[in-house]
Protein backbone atom coordinates (compact mmCIF):
# COMPACT_ATOMS: atom_id res chain seq x y z
CA UNK A 1 -23.29 3.94 -17.73
CA UNK A 2 -26.23 1.36 -17.44
CA UNK A 3 -25.82 -2.26 -18.40
CA UNK A 4 -27.82 -5.24 -18.26
CA UNK A 5 -25.89 -8.47 -17.51
CA UNK A 6 -26.81 -12.15 -17.73
CA UNK A 7 -25.13 -14.57 -15.16
CA UNK A 8 -26.08 -18.25 -15.09
CA UNK A 9 -29.59 -17.14 -16.02
CA UNK A 10 -29.73 -14.34 -13.42
CA UNK A 11 -30.45 -10.87 -14.87
CA UNK A 12 -29.05 -8.03 -13.36
CA UNK A 13 -29.24 -4.36 -14.42
CA UNK A 14 -26.16 -2.19 -13.05
CA UNK A 15 -24.49 1.02 -13.48
CA UNK A 16 -20.91 1.18 -13.66
CA UNK A 17 -18.02 3.69 -15.03
CA UNK A 18 -16.32 1.12 -16.70
CA UNK A 19 -15.94 0.29 -20.44
CA UNK A 20 -17.88 -2.50 -21.94
CA UNK A 21 -15.02 -4.75 -22.38
CA UNK A 22 -13.69 -4.72 -18.77
CA UNK A 23 -17.36 -5.64 -17.59
CA UNK A 24 -17.68 -8.32 -20.09
CA UNK A 25 -14.41 -9.86 -18.70
CA UNK A 26 -15.34 -9.78 -15.31
CA UNK A 27 -18.95 -11.20 -15.99
CA UNK A 28 -17.02 -13.76 -17.55
CA UNK A 29 -14.82 -14.45 -14.71
CA UNK A 30 -17.85 -14.52 -12.36
CA UNK A 31 -19.52 -17.11 -14.37
CA UNK A 32 -16.88 -19.16 -15.01
CA UNK A 33 -16.01 -19.28 -11.03
CA UNK A 34 -19.69 -19.88 -10.68
CA UNK A 35 -19.93 -23.02 -13.02
CA UNK A 36 -16.80 -24.32 -11.42
CA UNK A 37 -18.10 -24.39 -8.04
CA UNK A 38 -21.35 -25.71 -9.14
CA UNK A 39 -19.56 -28.67 -10.59
CA UNK A 40 -17.63 -28.96 -7.18
CA UNK A 41 -20.52 -28.87 -4.84
CA UNK A 42 -23.52 -29.38 -6.74
CA UNK A 43 -24.93 -26.28 -4.85
CA UNK A 44 -28.48 -25.35 -6.58
CA UNK A 45 -29.58 -22.41 -4.45
CA UNK A 46 -28.13 -19.60 -6.54
CA UNK A 47 -27.23 -16.94 -3.36
CA UNK A 48 -25.50 -19.71 -1.82
CA UNK A 49 -23.35 -20.50 -5.04
CA UNK A 50 -22.57 -16.85 -5.80
CA UNK A 51 -21.51 -16.09 -2.10
CA UNK A 52 -18.86 -19.10 -2.59
CA UNK A 53 -17.97 -17.16 -5.77
CA UNK A 54 -17.60 -13.66 -3.89
CA UNK A 55 -15.44 -15.49 -0.88
CA UNK A 56 -13.29 -17.69 -3.72
CA UNK A 57 -12.82 -13.94 -5.31
CA UNK A 58 -12.08 -12.26 -2.33
CA UNK A 59 -9.62 -14.92 -1.32
CA UNK A 60 -7.66 -14.52 -4.56
CA UNK A 61 -7.83 -10.70 -4.32
CA UNK A 62 -6.41 -10.93 -0.82
CA UNK A 63 -3.62 -12.85 -1.87
CA UNK A 64 -2.78 -10.77 -4.86
CA UNK A 65 -2.41 -7.66 -2.42
CA UNK A 66 -0.34 -9.77 0.06
CA UNK A 67 1.78 -10.54 -2.83
CA UNK A 68 1.84 -6.96 -4.10
CA UNK A 69 2.74 -6.02 -0.67
CA UNK A 70 5.89 -8.10 -0.70
CA UNK A 71 6.98 -7.02 -3.89
CA UNK A 72 6.83 -3.57 -2.90
CA UNK A 73 8.64 -4.41 0.18
CA UNK A 74 11.14 -6.02 -1.63
CA UNK A 75 11.47 -3.27 -4.11
CA UNK A 76 11.79 -0.86 -1.59
CA UNK A 77 14.78 -2.64 0.22
CA UNK A 78 16.49 -2.95 -3.24
CA UNK A 79 16.35 0.73 -4.13
CA UNK A 80 17.66 1.74 -0.74
CA UNK A 81 20.27 -0.87 -1.05
CA UNK A 82 21.33 0.67 -4.70
CA UNK A 83 20.96 4.07 -3.12
CA UNK A 84 23.71 3.36 -0.32
CA UNK A 85 25.74 1.68 -2.76
CA UNK A 86 25.98 4.80 -5.07
CA UNK A 87 26.57 7.18 -2.04
CA UNK A 88 29.69 5.24 -0.78
CA UNK A 89 32.79 6.89 -1.41
CA UNK A 90 35.00 4.01 -2.22
CA UNK A 91 34.30 3.84 -5.88
CA UNK A 92 36.78 2.49 -8.52
CA UNK A 93 37.80 4.47 -11.00
CA UNK A 94 37.15 3.30 -14.36
CA UNK A 95 39.18 5.52 -16.62
CA UNK A 96 42.69 6.72 -15.60
CA UNK A 97 44.63 9.68 -17.31
CA UNK A 98 47.50 8.58 -19.11
CA UNK A 99 50.05 9.94 -16.57
CA UNK A 100 48.35 8.09 -13.97
CA UNK A 101 48.90 4.53 -15.74
CA UNK A 102 51.55 2.19 -14.23
CA UNK A 103 54.39 1.55 -17.02
């Protein structure tokens, strides 16, 4: 789908296979990041500013991917522990037949 977007006065014509709402959210993220970086750096060169935006967003993405890998590793370890516990033969019986009860 063809879209026309504006980010800090820059007009871009893009093609993307995503819903309009998703594109609007992403554009808002980029624009917000650019404004925050502009306030911090006073960088007036838009190309440099958008490179800083790209670097910051790439850093966030890398951190999220690292966190996701760690979460997946911990989840896999927990699944293995649960599977091991379920395979053990020394399960404690929960129910007893009336003749098995001590009197």
